[in-house]
């Protein structure tokens, strides 16, 4: 699968977030503290195992934050103490600690992968013209942002992600769902499992996303049936992925879209 700029952008944003964490805490073993004048450097490969273990040990007891309350299953049935860390090198060597093999619901991390499918089939210009690439300055699931800007905003907020699903070329919602699943399988190297309980829980409480889709459709900014589109979006969010699988996906992107050697494991 070709590497797409939006995936690089997402990884860059994630990296910036990680650097913020490093700035506020003592450096992990093998990592020099970043400065404003110098690009941060990854630790030497032989130190990666220690870095992962130290990161897990340092943050595993952090109890700040809480599970997402709007989805009953996530709020009540997912242990908030679950925490995994994984690093994958571009040659596929894996370093992991903690609950790195627990299958979390992918939720909003699904957004760039469906976007990648749209960009592969329709090129970047379709995203710029039909979804948008501007920050909304408002919450990720904001109805007001859609109404104020009469735009889906960008593909990494809910409105833009729902629009991305509607742009997947298909003649039915079943075909659209199959294409999305196939894309995720190509990224992960395996077929991701579907969590029916997560899907049913989300479907019971996704009225906001349904309203977002209807509003976009009214503005001519949704390209398939609103409720069918939201149903497929809810399903993609209900696929499960482990921390290690996500790291492997990042390794594939770093290796110019070529699959990493998924069977190698580092110490």
Protein backbone atom coordinates (compact mmCIF):
# COMPACT_ATOMS: atom_id res chain seq x y z
CA UNK A 1 0.00 0.00 0.00
CA UNK A 2 1.49 3.39 -0.95
CA UNK A 3 2.55 5.67 1.86
CA UNK A 4 0.28 8.68 2.08
CA UNK A 5 1.12 12.15 3.39
CA UNK A 6 -1.73 12.26 5.89
CA UNK A 7 -0.39 9.19 7.66
CA UNK A 8 3.01 10.86 7.95
CA UNK A 9 1.28 13.96 9.32
CA UNK A 10 -0.54 11.95 11.98
CA UNK A 11 2.69 10.26 13.04
CA UNK A 12 4.40 13.64 13.17
CA UNK A 13 1.67 15.00 15.45
CA UNK A 14 1.95 11.93 17.66
CA UNK A 15 5.71 12.37 17.84
CA UNK A 16 5.33 16.01 18.84
CA UNK A 17 3.00 14.89 21.63
CA UNK A 18 5.57 12.36 22.82
CA UNK A 19 8.25 15.03 22.82
CA UNK A 20 6.05 17.20 25.05
CA UNK A 21 5.92 14.34 27.53
CA UNK A 22 9.69 14.01 27.47
CA UNK A 23 10.13 17.72 28.10
CA UNK A 24 8.04 17.52 31.27
CA UNK A 25 9.78 14.43 32.69
CA UNK A 26 13.36 13.25 33.16
CA UNK A 27 14.68 11.56 30.01
CA UNK A 28 14.36 7.82 29.58
CA UNK A 29 17.50 5.74 29.25
CA UNK A 30 19.27 6.31 25.95
CA UNK A 31 17.26 9.43 25.00
CA UNK A 32 18.83 12.87 25.21
CA UNK A 33 16.46 15.68 26.28
CA UNK A 34 15.28 17.60 23.17
CA UNK A 35 16.10 21.28 22.66
CA UNK A 36 14.56 23.93 20.46
CA UNK A 37 17.65 23.99 18.26
CA UNK A 38 18.19 20.29 17.68
CA UNK A 39 16.04 17.60 16.13
CA UNK A 40 15.40 14.79 18.64
CA UNK A 41 17.16 11.52 17.91
CA UNK A 42 15.92 8.00 18.55
CA UNK A 43 17.98 5.93 21.00
CA UNK A 44 20.36 3.30 19.71
CA UNK A 45 18.56 0.08 18.83
CA UNK A 46 20.17 -1.98 21.57
CA UNK A 47 18.69 0.44 24.14
CA UNK A 48 15.12 0.26 22.86
CA UNK A 49 14.16 -2.66 25.10
CA UNK A 50 15.29 -0.74 28.17
CA UNK A 51 13.49 2.41 27.02
CA UNK A 52 10.19 0.52 26.61
CA UNK A 53 10.47 -1.18 30.00
CA UNK A 54 11.41 2.05 31.74
CA UNK A 55 8.54 3.97 30.10
CA UNK A 56 6.07 1.30 31.17
CA UNK A 57 7.41 1.23 34.73
CA UNK A 58 7.31 5.01 35.01
CA UNK A 59 3.75 5.55 33.84
CA UNK A 60 1.85 2.32 34.61
CA UNK A 61 0.61 3.64 37.96
CA UNK A 62 -0.53 7.02 36.58
CA UNK A 63 -4.25 7.23 37.41
CA UNK A 64 -4.99 10.62 35.85
CA UNK A 65 -7.84 10.73 33.35
CA UNK A 66 -10.72 8.31 32.94
CA UNK A 67 -12.38 6.04 30.42
CA UNK A 68 -14.60 7.65 27.79
CA UNK A 69 -18.02 7.90 29.41
CA UNK A 70 -20.19 8.36 26.31
CA UNK A 71 -19.77 4.70 25.31
CA UNK A 72 -21.12 2.48 28.06
CA UNK A 73 -18.94 -0.52 27.20
CA UNK A 74 -15.73 1.51 27.33
CA UNK A 75 -16.76 3.24 30.53
CA UNK A 76 -17.74 0.12 32.48
CA UNK A 77 -16.08 -2.94 30.94
CA UNK A 78 -12.57 -1.83 30.03
CA UNK A 79 -10.06 -1.81 32.87
CA UNK A 80 -8.59 1.69 33.11
CA UNK A 81 -5.34 0.22 34.41
CA UNK A 82 -4.56 -1.48 31.09
CA UNK A 83 -1.41 0.06 29.64
CA UNK A 84 0.94 -1.19 26.95
CA UNK A 85 4.02 0.23 25.26
CA UNK A 86 5.55 -0.96 22.00
CA UNK A 87 8.27 0.15 19.62
CA UNK A 88 8.81 -1.42 16.19
CA UNK A 89 11.88 -0.73 14.09
CA UNK A 90 11.59 -0.39 10.32
CA UNK A 91 13.03 -3.88 9.91
CA UNK A 92 10.21 -5.28 12.06
CA UNK A 93 11.93 -5.90 15.39
CA UNK A 94 9.43 -5.50 18.24
CA UNK A 95 10.09 -4.23 21.77
CA UNK A 96 7.04 -4.30 24.04
CA UNK A 97 6.01 -4.14 27.69
CA UNK A 98 2.82 -4.27 29.73
CA UNK A 99 -0.56 -4.97 28.15
CA UNK A 100 0.78 -4.62 24.62
CA UNK A 101 -1.24 -7.62 23.37
CA UNK A 102 -4.59 -6.54 24.79
CA UNK A 103 -7.11 -5.93 21.96
CA UNK A 104 -8.35 -2.38 22.49
CA UNK A 105 -11.17 -0.98 20.33
CA UNK A 106 -9.40 1.10 17.70
CA UNK A 107 -11.92 3.99 17.94
CA UNK A 108 -10.58 7.29 16.52
CA UNK A 109 -7.21 5.77 15.63
CA UNK A 110 -9.16 4.26 12.72
CA UNK A 111 -9.51 7.67 11.07
CA UNK A 112 -6.17 7.89 9.25
CA UNK A 113 -6.46 4.36 7.87
CA UNK A 114 -9.83 4.96 6.20
CA UNK A 115 -8.49 8.29 5.00
CA UNK A 116 -5.53 6.48 3.47
CA UNK A 117 -7.97 4.35 1.46
CA UNK A 118 -9.78 7.45 0.20
CA UNK A 119 -6.53 9.17 -0.72
CA UNK A 120 -5.24 6.09 -2.50
CA UNK A 121 -8.38 5.82 -4.64
CA UNK A 122 -9.13 9.51 -5.16
CA UNK A 123 -5.86 11.37 -4.46
CA UNK A 124 -5.18 14.15 -1.98
CA UNK A 125 -7.15 16.79 -3.88
CA UNK A 126 -10.43 15.01 -3.18
CA UNK A 127 -9.80 15.27 0.55
CA UNK A 128 -8.92 18.96 0.35
CA UNK A 129 -11.93 19.78 -1.80
CA UNK A 130 -14.60 17.49 -0.36
CA UNK A 131 -13.66 17.21 3.33
CA UNK A 132 -11.22 19.98 4.24
CA UNK A 133 -7.92 20.19 6.07
CA UNK A 134 -8.49 23.05 8.49
CA UNK A 135 -8.58 22.87 12.31
CA UNK A 136 -12.03 23.55 13.76
CA UNK A 137 -10.92 25.02 17.08
CA UNK A 138 -13.71 23.05 18.70
CA UNK A 139 -14.21 19.56 20.23
CA UNK A 140 -13.66 16.54 17.97
CA UNK A 141 -17.37 15.68 17.92
CA UNK A 142 -18.74 19.20 17.62
CA UNK A 143 -22.01 19.87 15.80
CA UNK A 144 -21.48 23.60 16.18
CA UNK A 145 -18.25 23.43 14.19
CA UNK A 146 -20.07 21.88 11.22
CA UNK A 147 -22.81 24.51 11.39
CA UNK A 148 -20.45 27.44 11.87
CA UNK A 149 -18.06 26.56 9.05
CA UNK A 150 -20.49 24.56 6.89
CA UNK A 151 -17.61 22.16 6.48
CA UNK A 152 -16.51 18.73 7.67
CA UNK A 153 -13.39 20.45 9.00
CA UNK A 154 -10.69 17.84 8.55
CA UNK A 155 -10.48 14.04 8.44
CA UNK A 156 -9.32 13.68 12.05
CA UNK A 157 -12.46 15.06 13.70
CA UNK A 158 -15.68 13.06 13.68
CA UNK A 159 -17.39 15.05 10.95
CA UNK A 160 -14.43 14.68 8.60
CA UNK A 161 -13.96 11.01 9.48
CA UNK A 162 -17.62 10.29 8.72
CA UNK A 163 -17.22 12.14 5.42
CA UNK A 164 -14.15 9.99 4.69
CA UNK A 165 -16.24 6.84 5.13
CA UNK A 166 -18.86 8.22 2.73
CA UNK A 167 -16.13 8.81 0.11
CA UNK A 168 -15.02 5.16 0.08
CA UNK A 169 -16.09 4.05 -3.38
CA UNK A 170 -18.81 1.42 -3.05
CA UNK A 171 -22.32 0.61 -4.25
CA UNK A 172 -23.64 -0.38 -0.81
CA UNK A 173 -22.76 -0.01 2.84
CA UNK A 174 -21.83 -3.71 2.92
CA UNK A 175 -19.28 -3.22 0.13
CA UNK A 176 -17.96 -0.07 1.82
CA UNK A 177 -17.47 -1.97 5.09
CA UNK A 178 -15.69 -4.83 3.30
CA UNK A 179 -13.28 -2.41 1.60
CA UNK A 180 -12.46 -0.73 4.91
CA UNK A 181 -11.84 -4.06 6.62
CA UNK A 182 -9.58 -5.14 3.77
CA UNK A 183 -7.57 -1.93 4.03
CA UNK A 184 -7.05 -2.39 7.77
CA UNK A 185 -5.97 -5.98 7.17
CA UNK A 186 -3.35 -4.79 4.67
CA UNK A 187 -1.96 -2.31 7.20
CA UNK A 188 -1.94 -4.73 10.13
CA UNK A 189 -0.85 -7.82 8.22
CA UNK A 190 -3.73 -9.75 9.81
CA UNK A 191 -7.50 -9.43 9.90
CA UNK A 192 -8.57 -7.26 12.83
CA UNK A 193 -11.26 -8.75 15.05
CA UNK A 194 -14.63 -7.08 15.40
CA UNK A 195 -15.94 -6.42 18.92
CA UNK A 196 -19.71 -6.82 18.73
CA UNK A 197 -20.24 -5.54 22.27
CA UNK A 198 -18.39 -2.30 21.52
CA UNK A 199 -20.36 -1.85 18.29
CA UNK A 200 -23.73 -2.42 19.96
CA UNK A 201 -22.84 -0.09 22.82
CA UNK A 202 -21.74 2.67 20.43
CA UNK A 203 -24.76 2.20 18.18
CA UNK A 204 -27.05 2.84 21.15
CA UNK A 205 -25.49 6.21 21.89
CA UNK A 206 -24.22 7.59 18.55
CA UNK A 207 -27.03 10.09 18.07
CA UNK A 208 -24.51 12.95 17.90
CA UNK A 209 -22.67 11.29 15.02
CA UNK A 210 -26.00 10.64 13.29
CA UNK A 211 -26.87 14.33 13.63
CA UNK A 212 -23.45 15.33 12.31
CA UNK A 213 -23.95 13.08 9.28
CA UNK A 214 -27.43 14.46 8.58
CA UNK A 215 -26.14 18.02 8.83
CA UNK A 216 -23.26 17.27 6.46
CA UNK A 217 -25.70 15.62 4.05
CA UNK A 218 -27.89 18.70 4.16
CA UNK A 219 -24.91 20.86 3.21
CA UNK A 220 -23.99 18.51 0.38
CA UNK A 221 -20.85 17.41 2.22
CA UNK A 222 -21.68 13.72 2.71
CA UNK A 223 -21.51 11.38 -0.25
CA UNK A 224 -23.60 8.40 0.86
CA UNK A 225 -26.69 7.78 2.97
CA UNK A 226 -26.14 9.45 6.39
CA UNK A 227 -27.33 6.62 8.64
CA UNK A 228 -25.61 3.94 6.55
CA UNK A 229 -22.39 5.94 6.70
CA UNK A 230 -22.55 6.32 10.47
CA UNK A 231 -23.20 2.60 10.84
CA UNK A 232 -20.04 1.77 8.87
CA UNK A 233 -18.08 4.39 10.83
CA UNK A 234 -19.29 2.83 14.09
CA UNK A 235 -18.20 -0.59 12.87
CA UNK A 236 -14.72 0.60 11.93
CA UNK A 237 -14.31 2.11 15.40
CA UNK A 238 -15.29 -1.27 16.89
CA UNK A 239 -12.44 -3.20 15.32
CA UNK A 240 -9.83 -4.22 17.88
CA UNK A 241 -6.11 -3.69 17.71
CA UNK A 242 -3.21 -4.26 20.09
CA UNK A 243 -0.51 -1.77 20.96
CA UNK A 244 2.00 -3.96 19.15
CA UNK A 245 -0.15 -4.10 16.01
CA UNK A 246 -0.39 -0.32 15.94
CA UNK A 247 3.36 -0.03 16.33
CA UNK A 248 3.78 -2.46 13.44
CA UNK A 249 1.52 -0.26 11.34
CA UNK A 250 3.78 2.68 12.13
CA UNK A 251 6.80 0.60 11.17
CA UNK A 252 5.20 -0.12 7.80
CA UNK A 253 4.69 3.60 7.22
CA UNK A 254 8.29 4.30 8.22
CA UNK A 255 9.42 1.68 5.71
CA UNK A 256 7.67 3.48 2.84
CA UNK A 257 4.53 1.36 3.05
CA UNK A 258 6.29 -2.00 2.79
CA UNK A 259 5.25 -4.63 5.31
CA UNK A 260 7.69 -5.10 8.18
CA UNK A 261 8.89 -8.59 9.13
CA UNK A 262 6.11 -9.05 11.67
CA UNK A 263 7.52 -12.20 13.23
CA UNK A 264 10.78 -10.80 14.61
CA UNK A 265 10.82 -9.95 18.31
CA UNK A 266 13.40 -7.93 20.18
CA UNK A 267 14.52 -8.53 23.75
